[in-house]
Amino acid sequence: MSQLAWHKSSFSSDDANRDCIEVAAAPEGLVHFRESDAPDVVAVTTPAKWGAFVKGVKAGEFDGCAL
């Protein structure tokens, strides 16, 4: 995997004790995402599936979910 430019939400703090999701667009057109506290574990999806996930988050489809 080439070096990716990882981004996180502007709502995330720089506090090292707070976890957040980081996302990167890969040259092959896929979307990579990971937890900030486990940067070696990366999941990969398509832009369409990532977009559907983000749309669901914004619509509140995951409100009340806990893992």
Protein backbone atom coordinates (compact mmCIF):
# COMPACT_ATOMS: atom_id res chain seq x y z
CA MET A 1 0.00 0.00 0.00
CA SER A 2 1.40 3.37 -0.96
CA GLN A 3 1.71 6.22 1.51
CA LEU A 4 -1.80 7.62 2.05
CA ALA A 5 -2.84 11.08 3.22
CA TRP A 6 -5.08 10.37 6.22
CA HIS A 7 -7.78 12.84 7.28
CA LYS A 8 -10.08 13.04 10.28
CA SER A 9 -13.16 15.06 11.08
CA SER A 10 -12.74 18.65 12.18
CA PHE A 11 -14.98 17.64 15.11
CA SER A 12 -12.20 15.35 16.39
CA SER A 13 -9.83 16.78 18.94
CA ASP A 14 -6.07 16.40 18.98
CA ASP A 15 -6.39 14.70 22.37
CA ALA A 16 -4.46 11.44 22.14
CA ASN A 17 -7.02 9.79 24.47
CA ARG A 18 -9.89 10.27 22.00
CA ASP A 19 -10.45 7.78 19.21
CA CYS A 20 -11.64 8.82 15.80
CA ILE A 21 -12.04 7.44 12.31
CA GLU A 22 -9.44 8.49 9.75
CA VAL A 23 -10.11 8.24 6.02
CA ALA A 24 -7.88 8.36 2.93
CA ALA A 25 -8.54 8.24 -0.80
CA ALA A 26 -6.23 5.74 -2.47
CA PRO A 27 -4.74 6.14 -5.96
CA GLU A 28 -6.62 3.06 -7.22
CA GLY A 29 -9.92 4.80 -6.46
CA LEU A 30 -10.82 3.00 -3.24
CA VAL A 31 -11.50 4.52 0.17
CA HIS A 32 -9.38 3.38 3.12
CA PHE A 33 -10.45 3.98 6.71
CA ARG A 34 -9.11 3.12 10.14
CA GLU A 35 -9.42 3.84 13.86
CA SER A 36 -6.87 6.38 15.05
CA ASP A 37 -5.91 4.15 17.99
CA ALA A 38 -5.23 1.15 15.69
CA PRO A 39 -3.58 2.66 12.59
CA ASP A 40 -2.24 -0.67 11.32
CA VAL A 41 -5.77 -2.08 10.87
CA VAL A 42 -7.20 -0.63 7.66
CA ALA A 43 -10.55 -1.37 6.02
CA VAL A 44 -11.14 -0.69 2.33
CA THR A 45 -14.38 0.07 0.50
CA THR A 46 -15.67 1.64 -2.68
CA PRO A 47 -16.53 5.34 -2.93
CA ALA A 48 -20.22 4.45 -3.43
CA LYS A 49 -20.37 2.34 -0.27
CA TRP A 50 -18.44 4.97 1.73
CA GLY A 51 -20.86 7.63 0.49
CA ALA A 52 -23.85 5.54 1.54
CA PHE A 53 -22.31 5.08 4.99
CA VAL A 54 -21.66 8.81 5.42
CA LYS A 55 -25.18 9.60 4.24
CA GLY A 56 -26.56 7.19 6.84
CA VAL A 57 -24.47 8.75 9.60
CA LYS A 58 -25.68 12.23 8.68
CA ALA A 59 -29.30 10.99 8.61
CA GLY A 60 -28.98 9.54 12.12
CA GLU A 61 -29.34 5.91 11.05
CA PHE A 62 -26.68 4.86 13.58
CA ASP A 63 -27.78 7.03 16.50
CA GLY A 64 -28.05 4.92 19.61
CA CYS A 65 -25.78 2.18 18.25
CA ALA A 66 -23.00 1.05 20.54
CA LEU A 67 -20.35 -1.56 20.01
